[in-house]
Amino acid sequence: MFRGLNLSERKLIKGFFSAKTGKVYVKDEDAVKFLVEKGYGEKIENVVELQPYEVLYLAYEGLLEVYDEETGKRINEKELLKIFSQQDRLTWSKYLVYRDLRKRGYVVKSGFGYGVDFRVYERGEYNKKAAKYLVCGIFEGEPIQIKTLMSILAGASNVKKEVILGVIERKGEVVYYSLSSFTP
């Protein structure tokens, strides 16, 4: 029933927003299985907890409807963006990079912190190998300190990952740059 991302093949996924935690959860057993297999969210007991950018992606793609856990009222995409942006001012930039990577066929999971937004798996390697890339998203023209980049590179080197900088252009397109350090 939840085979692919084609709406005609399956039913709509129903998510529930908890005002208490600020998170969206999916409870349906088939939906949980589908989401986990496709690399969405984090399975906690019998539910999947989705990251804000995952919620926005699935909602904008018409795959997920979100309802307020307490009132049962549907929350539309615009309201979700407003709620999530109040929690994290970088929600929109994370969503843009996440959406672009997903559309390119990558499985994308949350990063390790320290300026790393995402761990990205090679196509077909999710659940088989560790993530190959660490991706940091920034808006075009946004300053970023060299010290920050060096710290990210050092951390990535320790875990044997490639660092990719996803620069979001003014039109919302994402351009990727591979970062590396040179030690003579």
Protein backbone atom coordinates (compact mmCIF):
# COMPACT_ATOMS: atom_id res chain seq x y z
CA MET A 1 0.00 0.00 0.00
CA PHE A 2 2.86 2.45 0.76
CA ARG A 3 5.18 1.22 -2.02
CA GLY A 4 6.51 4.39 -3.56
CA LEU A 5 5.88 8.08 -3.58
CA ASN A 6 3.08 7.79 -6.14
CA LEU A 7 -0.22 8.89 -4.59
CA SER A 8 -2.28 6.57 -6.77
CA GLU A 9 -0.57 3.52 -5.23
CA ARG A 10 -1.27 4.27 -1.57
CA LYS A 11 -3.26 6.19 0.94
CA LEU A 12 -2.28 9.55 2.39
CA ILE A 13 -0.09 9.41 5.50
CA LYS A 14 -1.63 11.00 8.58
CA GLY A 15 0.66 12.78 11.05
CA PHE A 16 -0.13 14.28 14.43
CA PHE A 17 1.45 17.48 15.73
CA SER A 18 2.09 17.60 19.47
CA ALA A 19 2.13 21.16 20.80
CA LYS A 20 3.78 19.77 23.93
CA THR A 21 6.87 18.49 22.09
CA GLY A 22 6.65 20.58 18.91
CA LYS A 23 7.05 17.37 16.87
CA VAL A 24 5.00 15.48 14.30
CA TYR A 25 4.39 11.77 14.85
CA VAL A 26 3.03 9.09 12.52
CA LYS A 27 1.25 6.21 14.26
CA ASP A 28 -0.25 4.04 11.49
CA GLU A 29 1.66 0.74 11.36
CA ASP A 30 1.86 0.56 7.54
CA ALA A 31 2.88 4.21 7.29
CA VAL A 32 5.55 3.74 9.98
CA LYS A 33 7.00 0.78 8.07
CA PHE A 34 6.98 2.71 4.78
CA LEU A 35 8.62 5.82 6.29
CA VAL A 36 11.36 3.83 8.04
CA GLU A 37 12.15 1.84 4.87
CA LYS A 38 12.43 5.05 2.85
CA GLY A 39 14.67 6.74 5.43
CA TYR A 40 12.18 9.23 6.86
CA GLY A 41 12.08 10.14 10.53
CA GLU A 42 13.22 8.29 13.60
CA LYS A 43 11.34 5.25 14.85
CA ILE A 44 10.57 5.50 18.55
CA GLU A 45 8.72 2.43 19.82
CA ASN A 46 5.69 2.10 17.49
CA VAL A 47 5.69 5.60 15.98
CA VAL A 48 7.89 7.64 13.66
CA GLU A 49 8.96 11.11 14.77
CA LEU A 50 9.56 13.37 11.77
CA GLN A 51 11.93 16.32 11.57
CA PRO A 52 10.33 19.65 10.52
CA TYR A 53 11.97 19.59 7.07
CA GLU A 54 10.70 16.02 6.53
CA VAL A 55 7.18 17.08 7.50
CA LEU A 56 7.30 20.03 5.09
CA TYR A 57 8.69 17.89 2.27
CA LEU A 58 6.10 15.14 2.67
CA ALA A 59 3.28 17.68 3.10
CA TYR A 60 4.25 19.81 0.09
CA GLU A 61 4.55 16.62 -1.98
CA GLY A 62 0.98 15.74 -1.01
CA LEU A 63 2.03 12.61 0.87
CA LEU A 64 1.30 13.71 4.44
CA GLU A 65 -1.52 15.53 6.19
CA VAL A 66 -0.83 16.83 9.68
CA TYR A 67 -3.46 17.19 12.39
CA ASP A 68 -3.27 18.86 15.79
CA GLU A 69 -3.06 16.04 18.32
CA GLU A 70 -5.39 17.79 20.79
CA THR A 71 -8.00 19.43 18.56
CA GLY A 72 -7.94 17.10 15.55
CA LYS A 73 -7.82 20.19 13.28
CA ARG A 74 -5.77 19.86 10.07
CA ILE A 75 -2.66 22.06 9.97
CA ASN A 76 -1.79 23.24 6.45
CA GLU A 77 1.73 23.63 5.06
CA LYS A 78 1.85 27.39 5.61
CA GLU A 79 0.89 26.99 9.28
CA LEU A 80 3.43 24.18 9.70
CA LEU A 81 6.19 26.39 8.29
CA LYS A 82 5.23 29.17 10.70
CA ILE A 83 5.23 26.80 13.69
CA PHE A 84 8.55 25.20 12.75
CA SER A 85 10.21 28.54 11.95
CA GLN A 86 9.39 29.74 15.46
CA GLN A 87 11.24 26.69 16.79
CA ASP A 88 14.22 27.03 14.42
CA ARG A 89 14.86 30.08 12.23
CA LEU A 90 16.77 27.86 9.77
CA THR A 91 13.77 25.63 9.02
CA TRP A 92 13.24 27.06 5.53
CA SER A 93 16.88 26.71 4.47
CA LYS A 94 17.03 23.15 5.82
CA TYR A 95 13.83 22.32 3.95
CA LEU A 96 15.17 23.71 0.64
CA VAL A 97 18.38 21.66 0.84
CA TYR A 98 16.53 18.57 2.09
CA ARG A 99 13.96 18.80 -0.72
CA ASP A 100 16.67 19.18 -3.36
CA LEU A 101 18.65 16.19 -2.09
CA ARG A 102 15.54 13.99 -1.82
CA LYS A 103 14.46 14.93 -5.34
CA ARG A 104 17.93 13.85 -6.52
CA GLY A 105 17.30 10.41 -5.00
CA TYR A 106 19.37 10.61 -1.81
CA VAL A 107 18.30 9.47 1.65
CA VAL A 108 18.88 12.37 4.02
CA LYS A 109 19.03 12.17 7.81
CA SER A 110 19.67 14.85 10.42
CA GLY A 111 23.26 15.95 10.96
CA PHE A 112 25.52 15.73 13.96
CA GLY A 113 25.20 19.36 14.98
CA TYR A 114 28.19 21.71 14.91
CA GLY A 115 26.95 23.34 11.72
CA VAL A 116 26.21 20.06 9.91
CA ASP A 117 22.58 19.98 8.83
CA PHE A 118 22.42 16.54 7.21
CA ARG A 119 24.00 13.14 6.78
CA VAL A 120 23.49 12.00 3.19
CA TYR A 121 23.64 8.42 2.00
CA GLU A 122 24.77 7.33 -1.46
CA ARG A 123 21.87 6.23 -3.63
CA GLY A 124 20.89 2.67 -2.72
CA GLU A 125 23.17 2.56 0.32
CA TYR A 126 20.76 3.55 3.11
CA ASN A 127 20.65 0.84 5.80
CA LYS A 128 23.60 -0.89 4.08
CA LYS A 129 26.47 1.55 4.65
CA ALA A 130 27.11 4.64 6.74
CA ALA A 131 26.36 8.07 5.31
CA LYS A 132 29.03 9.26 2.88
CA TYR A 133 28.43 13.01 3.05
CA LEU A 134 27.84 15.70 5.64
CA VAL A 135 25.90 18.62 4.18
CA CYS A 136 25.74 22.19 5.50
CA GLY A 137 23.17 24.53 4.00
CA ILE A 138 23.55 28.32 3.79
CA PHE A 139 21.88 31.10 1.86
CA GLU A 140 23.84 32.78 -0.93
CA GLY A 141 25.66 35.82 0.47
CA GLU A 142 25.37 34.61 4.06
CA PRO A 143 28.74 34.97 5.77
CA ILE A 144 30.31 31.87 7.28
CA GLN A 145 33.54 31.97 9.24
CA ILE A 146 36.53 29.98 8.02
CA LYS A 147 36.96 28.80 11.61
CA THR A 148 33.48 27.22 11.44
CA LEU A 149 34.27 25.49 8.14
CA MET A 150 37.60 24.22 9.50
CA SER A 151 35.83 22.82 12.57
CA ILE A 152 33.28 21.03 10.36
CA LEU A 153 36.06 19.66 8.14
CA ALA A 154 38.03 18.41 11.15
CA GLY A 155 34.96 16.64 12.56
CA ALA A 156 34.15 15.12 9.17
CA SER A 157 37.72 13.91 8.77
CA ASN A 158 37.48 12.11 12.12
CA VAL A 159 34.43 10.15 10.93
CA LYS A 160 35.69 9.76 7.35
CA LYS A 161 32.94 11.77 5.66
CA GLU A 162 33.00 14.24 2.78
CA VAL A 163 31.73 17.76 3.52
CA ILE A 164 29.38 19.38 1.05
CA LEU A 165 28.26 23.00 1.27
CA GLY A 166 24.75 23.51 -0.12
CA VAL A 167 24.39 27.16 -1.13
CA ILE A 168 20.79 28.27 -1.60
CA GLU A 169 20.58 30.81 -4.39
CA ARG A 170 18.13 33.71 -4.42
CA LYS A 171 15.70 31.76 -6.62
CA GLY A 172 15.70 28.84 -4.17
CA GLU A 173 17.93 26.56 -6.24
CA VAL A 174 20.72 24.77 -4.40
CA VAL A 175 24.30 24.60 -5.70
CA TYR A 176 26.70 22.18 -4.03
CA TYR A 177 30.39 22.67 -3.31
CA SER A 178 32.69 19.97 -2.01
CA LEU A 179 34.94 21.15 0.82
CA SER A 180 38.29 19.70 1.73
CA SER A 181 41.37 20.75 3.60
CA PHE A 182 44.87 20.75 2.22
CA THR A 183 47.80 19.79 4.39
CA PRO A 184 51.15 20.07 2.58
